[in-house]
N, C-alpha and C. Protein backbone atom coordinates (compact mmCIF):
# COMPACT_ATOMS: atom_id res chain seq x y z
N MET A 1 0.82 -1.31 0.17
CA MET A 1 -0.15 0.09 -0.18
C MET A 1 0.88 1.34 -0.06
N LYS A 2 2.17 1.00 0.80
CA LYS A 2 2.67 2.04 0.72
C LYS A 2 3.47 2.78 -0.16
N LEU A 3 4.25 1.66 -0.89
CA LEU A 3 4.65 1.76 -2.13
C LEU A 3 3.88 1.78 -3.17
N GLN A 4 2.58 2.02 -3.60
CA GLN A 4 1.05 2.44 -4.43
C GLN A 4 1.28 3.73 -4.08
N ARG A 5 0.80 4.09 -2.93
CA ARG A 5 1.04 6.03 -2.41
C ARG A 5 2.05 6.54 -3.25
N THR A 6 3.87 5.72 -2.50
CA THR A 6 4.66 6.72 -2.94
C THR A 6 4.49 6.75 -4.89
N THR A 7 4.29 5.35 -5.29
CA THR A 7 3.90 5.35 -6.95
C THR A 7 3.23 6.41 -7.18
N LEU A 8 2.08 6.86 -6.78
CA LEU A 8 0.98 7.29 -6.79
C LEU A 8 1.32 8.98 -6.94
N ILE A 9 2.30 9.53 -5.67
CA ILE A 9 2.76 10.94 -5.66
C ILE A 9 3.70 11.07 -6.78
N LEU A 10 4.83 10.20 -6.84
CA LEU A 10 5.81 10.44 -8.10
C LEU A 10 4.54 10.79 -9.72
N LEU A 11 4.05 9.82 -9.43
CA LEU A 11 3.38 10.51 -11.31
C LEU A 11 2.50 12.00 -10.97
N VAL A 12 1.64 12.45 -10.21
CA VAL A 12 1.27 13.20 -10.21
C VAL A 12 2.54 14.49 -10.22
N SER A 13 3.87 14.44 -9.43
CA SER A 13 4.68 15.20 -9.62
C SER A 13 5.15 15.20 -11.02
N ALA A 14 5.46 14.03 -11.66
CA ALA A 14 5.89 14.26 -12.75
C ALA A 14 5.09 15.13 -13.68
N LEU A 15 3.76 14.54 -13.45
CA LEU A 15 2.90 15.24 -14.34
C LEU A 15 2.65 16.56 -14.24
N LEU A 16 2.63 17.45 -13.04
CA LEU A 16 2.72 18.34 -12.65
C LEU A 16 4.05 19.43 -13.31
N MET A 17 5.03 18.75 -13.28
CA MET A 17 6.11 19.17 -13.98
C MET A 17 6.51 19.01 -15.34
N GLY A 18 5.47 18.00 -15.93
CA GLY A 18 5.09 17.92 -17.70
C GLY A 18 4.71 19.22 -17.66
N GLY A 19 3.31 19.41 -16.91
CA GLY A 19 2.38 20.46 -17.40
C GLY A 19 3.03 21.96 -17.22
N PHE A 20 4.01 21.77 -15.99
CA PHE A 20 5.04 23.49 -15.92
C PHE A 20 5.60 23.74 -17.28
N VAL A 21 6.36 22.52 -17.29
CA VAL A 21 7.64 22.57 -18.63
C VAL A 21 6.49 23.10 -20.12
N TYR A 22 5.26 22.86 -20.15
CA TYR A 22 4.82 22.96 -21.27
C TYR A 22 4.24 24.23 -21.14
N PHE A 23 3.78 24.49 -20.18
CA PHE A 23 3.51 25.83 -19.98
C PHE A 23 4.40 26.95 -20.58
N TYR A 24 5.23 26.95 -19.86
CA TYR A 24 6.63 27.68 -19.77
C TYR A 24 6.94 27.81 -21.33
N GLU A 25 6.97 26.51 -22.06
CA GLU A 25 7.14 27.05 -23.46
C GLU A 25 6.34 27.46 -24.45
N VAL A 26 5.16 27.18 -24.17
CA VAL A 26 3.78 27.34 -24.90
C VAL A 26 4.37 29.17 -24.70
N LYS A 27 4.49 29.66 -23.28
CA LYS A 27 4.28 30.94 -22.97
C LYS A 27 5.31 31.71 -24.06
N LYS A 28 6.44 31.03 -23.43
CA LYS A 28 8.00 32.07 -23.85
C LYS A 28 8.01 31.92 -25.47
N GLU A 29 7.42 30.95 -26.30
CA GLU A 29 7.40 31.24 -28.36
C GLU A 29 7.03 32.44 -28.20
N PRO A 30 5.78 32.96 -27.78
CA PRO A 30 4.80 34.02 -28.64
C PRO A 30 5.84 34.89 -27.66
N GLN A 31 6.71 35.35 -26.70
CA GLN A 31 7.23 36.47 -26.24
C GLN A 31 8.65 36.36 -26.71
N GLU A 32 9.29 35.46 -27.27
CA GLU A 32 10.33 35.18 -28.17
C GLU A 32 9.95 36.25 -29.46
N GLU A 33 8.48 35.39 -29.68
CA GLU A 33 8.37 36.04 -31.67
C GLU A 33 8.10 37.71 -31.23
N THR A 34 7.28 37.88 -29.93
CA THR A 34 7.03 39.58 -29.98
C THR A 34 8.25 40.18 -30.10
N ALA A 35 9.64 39.94 -29.29
CA ALA A 35 10.28 40.57 -28.96
C ALA A 35 11.07 40.52 -30.37
N LYS A 36 10.99 40.05 -31.02
CA LYS A 36 11.41 39.45 -32.39
C LYS A 36 11.04 40.87 -33.53
N ASP A 37 10.05 40.85 -33.05
CA ASP A 37 8.45 41.70 -34.06
C ASP A 37 8.65 43.21 -33.67
N THR A 38 9.39 43.40 -32.54
CA THR A 38 9.63 44.87 -31.97
C THR A 38 10.44 45.82 -32.79
N LYS A 39 11.67 45.00 -33.23
CA LYS A 39 12.59 45.33 -33.94
C LYS A 39 11.94 46.44 -35.45
N LYS A 40 12.33 47.40 -35.70
CA LYS A 40 11.59 48.43 -36.19
C LYS A 40 12.79 49.30 -37.31
N PRO A 41 12.57 48.81 -38.49
CA PRO A 41 13.89 49.70 -39.67
C PRO A 41 13.68 50.92 -39.30
N ILE A 42 15.07 51.66 -39.20
CA ILE A 42 15.50 53.05 -38.86
C ILE A 42 15.13 53.81 -39.82
N PHE A 43 14.90 53.76 -41.05
CA PHE A 43 14.28 54.37 -42.29
C PHE A 43 12.86 53.95 -42.86
N SER A 44 13.12 54.25 -43.59
CA SER A 44 12.01 53.78 -44.73
C SER A 44 11.93 54.15 -46.25
N PHE A 45 13.39 54.68 -46.48
CA PHE A 45 13.24 55.16 -48.08
C PHE A 45 14.12 53.54 -48.59
N LYS A 46 14.41 53.73 -49.79
CA LYS A 46 15.56 52.86 -50.18
C LYS A 46 17.39 52.74 -50.65
N GLN A 47 17.91 52.18 -50.91
CA GLN A 47 19.07 52.42 -51.07
C GLN A 47 19.22 53.57 -52.58
N GLU A 48 18.60 53.10 -53.36
CA GLU A 48 18.30 53.50 -54.54
C GLU A 48 18.13 55.03 -55.05
N GLN A 49 17.48 55.25 -53.97
CA GLN A 49 17.00 56.50 -53.59
C GLN A 49 18.01 57.78 -53.26
N ILE A 50 19.17 57.20 -51.78
CA ILE A 50 19.68 58.36 -52.10
C ILE A 50 21.34 58.54 -52.72
N GLN A 51 21.33 59.91 -52.96
CA GLN A 51 21.43 60.86 -53.68
C GLN A 51 22.98 61.07 -52.88
N SER A 52 23.33 60.90 -52.05
CA SER A 52 24.31 61.98 -51.61
C SER A 52 24.51 61.67 -49.69
N ILE A 53 25.58 61.25 -49.28
CA ILE A 53 25.73 60.57 -47.53
C ILE A 53 27.12 61.53 -46.96
N THR A 54 26.67 61.84 -46.12
CA THR A 54 27.62 63.11 -45.51
C THR A 54 27.63 62.70 -43.98
N ILE A 55 29.11 62.26 -43.48
CA ILE A 55 29.60 62.10 -42.15
C ILE A 55 30.22 63.33 -41.74
N TYR A 56 29.48 63.68 -40.68
CA TYR A 56 30.08 64.42 -39.37
C TYR A 56 30.95 63.39 -38.48
N LEU A 57 32.15 63.76 -37.87
CA LEU A 57 33.28 62.89 -37.28
C LEU A 57 33.30 63.40 -35.93
N ASN A 58 32.87 63.35 -34.96
CA ASN A 58 33.26 64.34 -33.67
C ASN A 58 34.63 63.60 -33.12
N GLN A 59 35.84 64.12 -33.37
CA GLN A 59 36.53 63.57 -32.80
C GLN A 59 37.87 64.36 -32.67
N GLU A 60 38.89 64.29 -32.28
CA GLU A 60 40.11 65.64 -31.55
C GLU A 60 39.87 66.63 -32.83
N ILE A 61 40.10 65.52 -34.11
CA ILE A 61 40.01 67.21 -35.38
C ILE A 61 39.03 66.70 -35.90
N LYS A 62 38.11 67.50 -36.14
CA LYS A 62 36.34 67.07 -36.76
C LYS A 62 37.25 66.53 -37.71
N LYS A 63 36.62 65.78 -38.56
CA LYS A 63 36.20 65.59 -39.59
C LYS A 63 35.20 65.14 -40.47
N ILE A 64 35.15 65.46 -41.79
CA ILE A 64 33.83 65.34 -42.62
C ILE A 64 33.89 65.00 -43.42
N LEU A 65 33.45 63.72 -44.15
CA LEU A 65 33.22 63.30 -45.19
C LEU A 65 32.51 63.17 -45.90
N LYS A 66 32.41 63.33 -47.75
CA LYS A 66 31.11 63.63 -48.50
C LYS A 66 31.44 62.91 -49.80
N PHE A 67 30.46 62.18 -49.84
CA PHE A 67 30.14 61.39 -51.23
C PHE A 67 28.98 61.22 -51.77
N GLU A 68 28.72 61.73 -53.50
CA GLU A 68 27.93 61.00 -54.24
C GLU A 68 27.57 60.67 -55.33
N ARG A 69 26.43 60.03 -55.37
CA ARG A 69 26.35 59.32 -56.57
C ARG A 69 26.60 59.75 -57.59
N VAL A 70 27.33 58.39 -58.54
CA VAL A 70 28.14 58.80 -59.55
C VAL A 70 26.76 58.30 -61.07
N GLY A 71 26.13 58.91 -61.40
CA GLY A 71 25.28 58.29 -62.67
C GLY A 71 24.37 57.69 -61.73
N LYS A 72 23.69 56.72 -62.40
CA LYS A 72 22.57 55.93 -62.26
C LYS A 72 22.66 54.77 -61.25
N ASP A 73 24.40 54.55 -61.37
CA ASP A 73 24.40 52.78 -60.59
C ASP A 73 24.54 53.05 -59.30
N VAL A 74 24.02 51.97 -59.15
CA VAL A 74 23.69 52.05 -57.22
C VAL A 74 24.80 51.73 -56.92
N MET A 75 25.89 51.57 -57.47
CA MET A 75 27.38 51.00 -56.50
C MET A 75 28.45 52.20 -56.65
N GLY A 76 27.87 52.93 -57.94
CA GLY A 76 28.60 54.35 -57.97
C GLY A 76 29.12 55.35 -57.32
N TRP A 77 30.16 55.37 -56.47
CA TRP A 77 30.21 56.71 -55.72
C TRP A 77 30.95 57.28 -55.92
N GLN A 78 31.34 58.53 -55.32
CA GLN A 78 32.37 59.87 -55.97
C GLN A 78 32.58 60.24 -54.50
N MET A 79 33.39 59.95 -53.42
CA MET A 79 33.93 61.10 -52.53
C MET A 79 33.72 62.48 -52.60
N LYS A 80 33.49 63.73 -52.34
CA LYS A 80 33.10 64.52 -52.80
C LYS A 80 34.40 65.81 -51.83
N TYR A 81 34.78 65.43 -50.68
CA TYR A 81 35.31 66.02 -49.64
C TYR A 81 35.60 64.97 -48.53
N PRO A 82 36.75 64.55 -47.92
CA PRO A 82 37.32 66.28 -48.40
C PRO A 82 38.54 65.74 -49.40
N LYS A 83 38.31 65.11 -50.54
CA LYS A 83 38.76 64.82 -51.34
C LYS A 83 38.22 64.42 -52.78
N ASP A 84 38.78 64.99 -54.01
CA ASP A 84 37.42 64.84 -55.00
C ASP A 84 38.22 63.80 -55.67
N VAL A 85 37.98 62.26 -55.25
CA VAL A 85 38.56 61.33 -56.07
C VAL A 85 37.48 60.30 -55.92
N PRO A 86 37.11 59.33 -56.73
CA PRO A 86 36.54 57.89 -56.55
C PRO A 86 36.23 57.27 -55.35
N ALA A 87 35.49 56.72 -54.95
CA ALA A 87 35.23 56.17 -53.39
C ALA A 87 35.25 54.44 -53.79
N SER A 88 35.77 53.88 -52.49
CA SER A 88 35.61 52.61 -52.22
C SER A 88 33.45 52.32 -52.29
N ASN A 89 33.42 51.48 -53.02
CA ASN A 89 32.07 51.16 -53.16
C ASN A 89 31.89 50.28 -52.39
N ALA A 90 32.68 49.35 -51.81
CA ALA A 90 32.81 48.50 -50.60
C ALA A 90 32.37 49.12 -49.26
N ALA A 91 33.55 50.50 -49.12
CA ALA A 91 32.86 50.67 -47.79
C ALA A 91 31.95 51.68 -47.44
N VAL A 92 31.59 52.42 -49.00
CA VAL A 92 30.23 53.04 -48.60
C VAL A 92 28.87 52.33 -48.51
N ALA A 93 28.99 51.12 -49.26
CA ALA A 93 27.88 49.90 -49.50
C ALA A 93 27.28 49.34 -48.00
N PHE A 94 28.69 49.27 -47.60
CA PHE A 94 28.32 48.97 -46.22
C PHE A 94 27.43 49.61 -44.99
N LEU A 95 28.15 51.31 -45.23
CA LEU A 95 27.28 51.87 -44.34
C LEU A 95 25.99 51.87 -44.93
N LEU A 96 25.25 52.38 -46.41
CA LEU A 96 24.33 52.51 -46.79
C LEU A 96 23.36 50.83 -46.53
N ASP A 97 24.11 49.65 -46.36
CA ASP A 97 23.16 48.71 -45.97
C ASP A 97 22.60 48.46 -44.70
N LEU A 98 23.43 49.52 -43.74
CA LEU A 98 23.04 50.08 -42.08
C LEU A 98 22.00 51.16 -42.09
N VAL A 99 21.83 51.73 -43.24
CA VAL A 99 21.08 52.84 -42.64
C VAL A 99 19.90 52.23 -43.28
N VAL A 100 19.52 51.66 -44.50
CA VAL A 100 18.90 51.23 -45.16
C VAL A 100 18.05 50.18 -44.59
N GLU A 101 18.88 49.02 -44.43
CA GLU A 101 18.12 47.88 -43.71
C GLU A 101 18.23 47.44 -41.95
N GLY A 102 19.47 48.44 -41.58
CA GLY A 102 19.41 48.24 -40.08
C GLY A 102 18.14 48.60 -39.59
N LYS A 103 17.87 47.54 -38.34
CA LYS A 103 16.89 48.35 -37.44
C LYS A 103 17.13 48.42 -36.00
N SER A 104 16.12 48.96 -35.29
CA SER A 104 16.35 49.76 -34.18
C SER A 104 15.81 48.66 -33.08
N ASP A 105 16.95 47.78 -32.39
CA ASP A 105 16.65 46.82 -31.00
C ASP A 105 15.25 47.68 -30.47
N ARG A 106 15.55 48.66 -29.98
CA ARG A 106 14.12 49.28 -29.08
C ARG A 106 14.02 50.71 -28.73
N SER A 107 13.45 51.58 -28.90
CA SER A 107 13.52 52.91 -28.41
C SER A 107 12.75 53.38 -27.05
N PHE A 108 13.09 54.47 -26.71
CA PHE A 108 12.41 55.30 -25.44
C PHE A 108 12.70 56.62 -25.44
N THR A 109 11.72 56.85 -24.57
CA THR A 109 11.34 58.59 -24.42
C THR A 109 12.74 59.22 -23.13
N VAL A 110 13.54 60.08 -23.22
CA VAL A 110 13.98 60.50 -22.27
C VAL A 110 13.75 62.09 -22.10
N PRO A 111 13.90 62.55 -21.24
CA PRO A 111 14.13 63.53 -20.33
C PRO A 111 15.46 64.66 -21.54
N ALA A 112 15.32 66.08 -22.02
CA ALA A 112 15.89 66.71 -22.37
C ALA A 112 17.34 66.65 -21.84
N ASP A 113 17.55 66.54 -20.23
CA ASP A 113 18.55 66.83 -19.55
C ASP A 113 19.26 65.55 -19.16
N GLN A 114 18.80 64.47 -19.65
CA GLN A 114 19.66 63.53 -19.02
C GLN A 114 20.35 62.98 -20.87
N ILE A 115 20.27 63.45 -22.06
CA ILE A 115 20.66 63.42 -23.14
C ILE A 115 22.19 63.04 -23.03
N LYS A 116 22.71 63.88 -22.05
CA LYS A 116 24.30 63.37 -21.96
C LYS A 116 24.48 62.11 -21.49
N GLU A 117 23.37 61.58 -20.59
CA GLU A 117 24.12 59.92 -20.29
C GLU A 117 24.25 59.26 -21.82
N TYR A 118 23.62 59.23 -23.25
CA TYR A 118 23.53 58.52 -23.95
C TYR A 118 24.42 59.04 -24.81
N GLY A 119 25.47 59.72 -24.55
CA GLY A 119 26.24 60.31 -25.33
C GLY A 119 26.03 61.36 -26.10
N LEU A 120 24.47 61.90 -26.67
CA LEU A 120 23.95 62.24 -28.16
C LEU A 120 24.06 63.85 -27.60
N ASP A 121 24.61 64.67 -26.42
CA ASP A 121 24.69 66.44 -26.87
C ASP A 121 25.82 65.92 -27.19
N LYS A 122 27.10 65.19 -27.29
CA LYS A 122 28.21 65.74 -28.50
C LYS A 122 28.09 63.93 -29.25
N PRO A 123 27.36 64.31 -29.93
CA PRO A 123 27.48 62.30 -30.94
C PRO A 123 28.77 62.12 -31.21
N GLN A 124 29.51 60.37 -31.24
CA GLN A 124 30.86 61.05 -31.96
C GLN A 124 30.51 60.69 -33.31
N ALA A 125 29.00 60.99 -34.22
CA ALA A 125 29.23 60.93 -35.30
C ALA A 125 27.98 61.41 -35.87
N ILE A 126 27.23 62.05 -36.87
CA ILE A 126 26.36 62.22 -37.21
C ILE A 126 26.24 61.66 -39.15
N VAL A 127 25.35 61.34 -39.17
CA VAL A 127 25.54 60.88 -40.67
C VAL A 127 24.08 61.65 -41.24
N LYS A 128 24.19 62.14 -42.55
CA LYS A 128 23.49 63.27 -43.26
C LYS A 128 23.46 62.14 -44.34
N VAL A 129 21.94 62.08 -44.52
CA VAL A 129 21.21 61.12 -45.62
C VAL A 129 20.72 62.11 -47.01
N GLU A 130 20.95 62.96 -48.13
CA GLU A 130 20.04 63.28 -48.83
C GLU A 130 19.26 62.55 -50.58
N LEU A 131 17.96 62.44 -50.29
CA LEU A 131 17.36 61.73 -51.70
C LEU A 131 17.39 62.48 -52.42
N ASN A 132 16.91 61.11 -53.49
CA ASN A 132 16.83 62.03 -54.90
C ASN A 132 15.12 62.92 -54.98
N ASN A 133 14.62 62.68 -54.06
CA ASN A 133 13.61 63.81 -54.22
C ASN A 133 14.15 65.43 -53.02
N LYS A 134 14.80 65.32 -52.80
CA LYS A 134 15.19 66.75 -52.14
C LYS A 134 15.18 66.31 -50.60
N GLU A 135 14.31 65.44 -50.35
CA GLU A 135 14.52 65.70 -49.02
C GLU A 135 15.67 64.76 -47.91
N THR A 136 15.55 65.39 -46.60
CA THR A 136 16.99 64.86 -46.09
C THR A 136 16.74 64.05 -44.51
N HIS A 137 17.84 63.41 -44.39
CA HIS A 137 17.82 62.65 -43.16
C HIS A 137 18.79 62.11 -42.17
N ARG A 138 18.69 62.42 -40.53
CA ARG A 138 20.25 62.53 -40.17
C ARG A 138 19.87 61.34 -39.21
N ILE A 139 20.76 60.51 -39.06
CA ILE A 139 21.37 59.50 -37.96
C ILE A 139 22.40 60.33 -36.70
N MET A 140 21.97 60.57 -35.69
CA MET A 140 23.15 60.64 -34.67
C MET A 140 23.54 59.79 -34.01
N LEU A 141 24.86 59.39 -33.53
CA LEU A 141 25.28 57.86 -32.99
C LEU A 141 26.22 59.04 -31.89
N GLY A 142 25.49 57.61 -30.71
CA GLY A 142 26.01 58.46 -29.60
C GLY A 142 26.69 57.37 -28.85
N LYS A 143 26.82 56.77 -27.30
CA LYS A 143 27.63 55.68 -26.84
C LYS A 143 27.17 54.75 -27.15
N PRO A 144 27.96 53.73 -26.91
CA PRO A 144 27.76 51.98 -27.07
C PRO A 144 26.93 51.90 -25.39
N ASP A 145 25.79 50.87 -25.63
CA ASP A 145 25.22 50.07 -24.75
C ASP A 145 26.30 49.95 -23.53
N PHE A 146 25.76 49.37 -22.13
CA PHE A 146 27.02 48.66 -21.29
C PHE A 146 27.94 47.53 -21.85
N ASN A 147 27.10 46.89 -22.63
CA ASN A 147 27.73 45.56 -23.26
C ASN A 147 28.55 45.78 -24.65
N ARG A 148 28.52 46.49 -25.04
CA ARG A 148 29.27 47.43 -26.29
C ARG A 148 28.15 46.35 -28.04
N SER A 149 27.14 46.37 -27.62
CA SER A 149 26.67 45.71 -28.32
C SER A 149 25.60 46.32 -29.17
N LEU A 150 25.48 47.19 -29.18
CA LEU A 150 23.96 48.33 -29.42
C LEU A 150 24.49 49.89 -28.94
N LEU A 151 24.41 51.06 -29.83
CA LEU A 151 24.89 52.05 -29.84
C LEU A 151 23.03 53.10 -29.93
N TYR A 152 23.37 53.78 -28.97
CA TYR A 152 22.71 54.98 -28.77
C TYR A 152 22.38 55.75 -29.73
N ALA A 153 21.34 56.50 -30.25
CA ALA A 153 21.40 57.01 -31.42
C ALA A 153 19.71 57.87 -31.50
N GLN A 154 19.44 58.84 -32.24
CA GLN A 154 18.29 59.72 -32.44
C GLN A 154 18.34 59.82 -33.95
N VAL A 155 17.44 59.82 -34.00
CA VAL A 155 17.18 59.74 -35.94
C VAL A 155 16.43 61.22 -36.00
N ASP A 156 16.57 61.85 -37.14
CA ASP A 156 15.83 63.32 -37.50
C ASP A 156 15.36 63.85 -36.05
N PRO A 157 16.46 63.97 -35.41
CA PRO A 157 16.25 64.99 -34.33
C PRO A 157 15.87 66.31 -34.27
N TRP A 158 14.66 66.62 -33.12
CA TRP A 158 13.93 67.83 -33.22
C TRP A 158 14.81 68.60 -33.21
N SER A 159 14.09 70.13 -33.90
CA SER A 159 15.34 71.12 -33.36
C SER A 159 14.79 71.83 -31.82
N ASP A 160 13.89 71.80 -31.32
CA ASP A 160 13.39 71.64 -30.40
C ASP A 160 14.19 70.86 -29.63
N GLN A 161 15.27 70.77 -29.11
CA GLN A 161 16.19 70.00 -27.33
C GLN A 161 15.43 70.36 -26.13
N SER A 162 14.54 70.96 -25.84
CA SER A 162 14.14 71.11 -24.83
C SER A 162 13.03 70.44 -24.47
N LYS A 163 12.42 69.81 -25.30
CA LYS A 163 11.41 68.43 -25.35
C LYS A 163 12.46 67.37 -24.64
N SER A 164 11.34 66.11 -24.52
CA SER A 164 11.63 64.83 -24.28
C SER A 164 11.68 64.60 -25.67
N LEU A 165 13.56 64.02 -25.59
CA LEU A 165 13.56 63.00 -26.79
C LEU A 165 14.07 61.66 -26.90
N GLN A 166 13.50 61.11 -28.26
CA GLN A 166 13.60 59.66 -28.50
C GLN A 166 14.59 58.80 -28.75
N VAL A 167 15.33 58.03 -27.99
CA VAL A 167 16.64 57.51 -28.25
C VAL A 167 15.81 56.09 -29.06
N LEU A 168 17.46 55.42 -29.68
CA LEU A 168 17.09 53.98 -30.43
C LEU A 168 18.37 53.89 -30.14
N LEU A 169 18.28 52.36 -29.76
CA LEU A 169 19.14 51.18 -29.98
C LEU A 169 19.49 50.50 -31.68
N VAL A 170 20.66 51.47 -31.89
CA VAL A 170 21.08 50.55 -33.67
C VAL A 170 22.26 49.59 -33.15
N PRO A 171 22.39 49.14 -34.59
CA PRO A 171 23.44 47.61 -34.35
C PRO A 171 25.05 48.94 -34.41
N ILE A 172 25.58 48.22 -33.52
CA ILE A 172 26.97 48.83 -33.03
C ILE A 172 27.56 48.76 -34.33
N ASP A 173 27.66 48.41 -35.51
CA ASP A 173 28.38 48.50 -36.71
C ASP A 173 28.95 50.06 -37.38
N PHE A 174 27.36 50.61 -36.91
CA PHE A 174 27.56 51.79 -37.14
C PHE A 174 28.63 52.22 -36.99
N GLU A 175 29.09 52.17 -35.75
CA GLU A 175 30.52 52.91 -35.31
C GLU A 175 31.55 52.30 -36.48
N TYR A 176 31.82 50.87 -36.50
CA TYR A 176 32.54 50.63 -37.35
C TYR A 176 32.62 51.50 -38.47
N ALA A 177 31.66 51.36 -39.06
CA ALA A 177 31.07 52.14 -40.49
C ALA A 177 31.57 52.86 -40.49
N VAL A 178 31.15 53.88 -39.87
CA VAL A 178 31.78 55.71 -40.16
C VAL A 178 33.34 55.89 -39.54
N ASN A 179 33.96 55.00 -38.49
CA ASN A 179 35.45 55.08 -37.59
C ASN A 179 36.24 54.91 -38.63
N ARG A 180 36.77 54.98 -40.68
CA ARG A 180 37.62 54.45 -41.65
C ARG A 180 38.29 55.34 -41.50
N PRO A 181 40.22 55.31 -41.43
CA PRO A 181 40.78 56.02 -41.85
C PRO A 181 40.15 56.27 -43.20
N ILE A 182 40.71 57.55 -44.25
CA ILE A 182 40.08 58.38 -44.94
C ILE A 182 40.67 57.15 -46.43
N SER A 183 41.92 56.50 -46.59
CA SER A 183 42.31 55.49 -46.98
C SER A 183 41.19 54.73 -47.84
N GLU A 184 40.90 54.25 -46.65
CA GLU A 184 39.73 53.46 -46.89
C GLU A 184 38.29 53.68 -47.20
N TRP A 185 38.48 55.18 -47.45
CA TRP A 185 37.14 55.44 -47.98
C TRP A 185 37.53 55.58 -49.62
N GLN A 186 38.33 55.69 -49.88
CA GLN A 186 38.57 55.78 -51.27
C GLN A 186 39.15 54.58 -52.22
N GLN A 187 38.80 54.54 -53.18
CA GLN A 187 38.65 53.58 -54.35
C GLN A 187 40.27 52.67 -54.27
N THR A 188 40.13 51.65 -54.32
CA THR A 188 41.21 50.65 -54.33
C THR A 188 41.80 50.59 -55.86
N LYS A 189 42.84 49.97 -55.91
CA LYS A 189 43.33 49.52 -57.55
C LYS A 189 42.36 48.45 -57.99
N THR A 190 42.42 47.82 -57.16
CA THR A 190 41.16 46.49 -57.64
C THR A 190 39.79 47.07 -58.03
N GLU A 191 38.95 47.89 -57.42
CA GLU A 191 37.90 48.30 -57.52
C GLU A 191 37.58 49.57 -59.26
N ASP A 192 39.23 49.97 -59.13
CA ASP A 192 39.08 50.73 -59.68
C ASP A 192 39.61 50.67 -61.15
N SER A 193 40.12 49.19 -61.64
CA SER A 193 40.21 47.97 -62.46
C SER A 193 39.07 47.74 -63.34
N ASN A 194 37.79 47.65 -62.08
CA ASN A 194 36.49 46.56 -62.33
C ASN A 194 35.65 47.83 -62.75
N SER A 195 35.73 49.27 -62.11
CA SER A 195 34.87 50.32 -62.54
C SER A 195 34.91 50.31 -64.05
N SER A 196 36.59 50.49 -64.07
CA SER A 196 36.79 51.44 -65.48
C SER A 196 36.30 50.77 -66.78
N GLN A 197 35.86 49.12 -66.46
CA GLN A 197 35.67 48.12 -67.45
C GLN A 197 34.09 48.45 -67.79
N GLU A 198 33.11 49.25 -66.63
CA GLU A 198 31.70 49.06 -66.33
C GLU A 198 31.30 50.65 -66.59
N LEU A 199 32.34 51.47 -66.08
CA LEU A 199 31.78 53.12 -66.20
C LEU A 199 31.58 53.40 -67.25
N ASP A 200 29.84 54.13 -67.61
CA ASP A 200 30.29 54.70 -68.84
C ASP A 200 31.20 56.17 -68.85
N PRO A 201 31.51 56.54 -70.04
CA PRO A 201 32.21 57.57 -69.84
C PRO A 201 31.44 58.89 -69.46
N GLU A 202 30.21 59.37 -70.01
CA GLU A 202 29.19 60.13 -69.49
C GLU A 202 29.08 59.98 -68.79
N GLN A 203 29.12 58.81 -67.54
CA GLN A 203 28.36 59.04 -66.12
C GLN A 203 30.08 59.80 -65.23
N SER A 204 31.48 59.54 -65.68
CA SER A 204 32.52 59.72 -65.43
C SER A 204 32.62 60.95 -64.40
N PRO A 205 32.81 60.91 -62.96
CA PRO A 205 33.29 62.36 -62.44
C PRO A 205 34.44 63.42 -63.14
N SER A 206 33.97 64.47 -62.41
CA SER A 206 34.94 65.22 -63.85
C SER A 206 36.07 64.95 -63.55
N PRO A 207 37.63 65.33 -64.06
CA PRO A 207 38.83 64.80 -63.86
C PRO A 207 39.44 65.94 -63.30
N THR A 208 38.48 67.42 -63.54
CA THR A 208 39.44 68.32 -62.72
C THR A 208 40.26 68.77 -61.12
N ASN A 209 41.43 68.33 -61.45
CA ASN A 209 41.91 67.92 -60.03
C ASN A 209 41.79 67.06 -58.98
N PRO A 210 42.30 65.82 -59.18
CA PRO A 210 41.21 64.58 -59.10
C PRO A 210 42.65 64.61 -57.42
N GLY A 211 42.05 64.48 -56.70
CA GLY A 211 42.07 64.21 -54.83
C GLY A 211 42.69 65.24 -54.28
N GLU A 212 42.67 66.62 -55.05
CA GLU A 212 42.47 68.23 -54.43
C GLU A 212 41.61 68.65 -53.91
N PRO A 213 42.04 68.44 -52.22
CA PRO A 213 41.38 69.48 -51.20
C PRO A 213 39.97 70.18 -51.63
N LEU A 214 38.82 70.03 -51.17
CA LEU A 214 37.84 71.54 -51.87
C LEU A 214 38.28 72.29 -51.03
N PRO A 215 38.20 73.62 -51.59
CA PRO A 215 38.21 74.81 -50.82
C PRO A 215 37.58 74.57 -49.28
N THR A 216 37.86 75.49 -48.22
CA THR A 216 36.95 75.56 -46.93
C THR A 216 35.79 76.12 -47.40
N GLU A 217 35.54 76.76 -48.18
CA GLU A 217 33.93 77.53 -48.16
C GLU A 217 32.89 76.61 -48.35
N GLU A 218 33.57 75.37 -49.00
CA GLU A 218 32.50 73.99 -49.75
C GLU A 218 32.40 73.21 -48.86
N ILE A 219 32.92 73.24 -47.54
CA ILE A 219 32.41 72.39 -46.11
C ILE A 219 30.85 72.09 -46.11
N PRO A 220 30.76 71.16 -46.56
CA PRO A 220 29.28 70.38 -45.99
C PRO A 220 28.90 71.05 -45.03
N SER A 221 28.01 71.71 -44.35
CA SER A 221 26.80 71.86 -43.20
C SER A 221 26.27 70.59 -42.81
N PRO A 222 26.31 70.35 -41.21
CA PRO A 222 25.30 69.47 -41.03
C PRO A 222 23.95 69.93 -40.66
């Protein structure tokens, strides 16, 4: 009799444990799906709409880089500042993929006086995108989060910074995409040989003083 009672207790315990595990897994799955679905695109435009892109880096020596699309080729880009030279399509494409395809992990609102905590009072970089319809969009990149997997950012920040501000968490890859030596933004010999076979002469950038820095008055403004 005692054996049967023990067996019954074990059976009931096993059933309860199995029910708990089932309930936990069933409840967990929708939560994971919801977490995945909460990621939203940073911008809604397409890559072929981008006409130019300008990067403002807030380093010890402030650095500005500007690139313009060459002709109708999605992969054709020319550096316009600080030098007028063909750009590395690979470097530009990496940044554009993040801008167009990148998603925000989550967003939240903070009072304006707390924006410094996220490195957005003096962002490490501002990326300005100009579209072929004359629209302009900006993303400001602040500090990494505590485990350096994401960056705090602001998208198209309001001109009135006295109100509550929306902060997004975006891929840390943005930091790697903008922080490059100027040499890495310039077209390599391999890219040059490939593009010379494909580029239409009518789409070629102006050959006037290639590699010469633009004059000070032509510095792009954010």
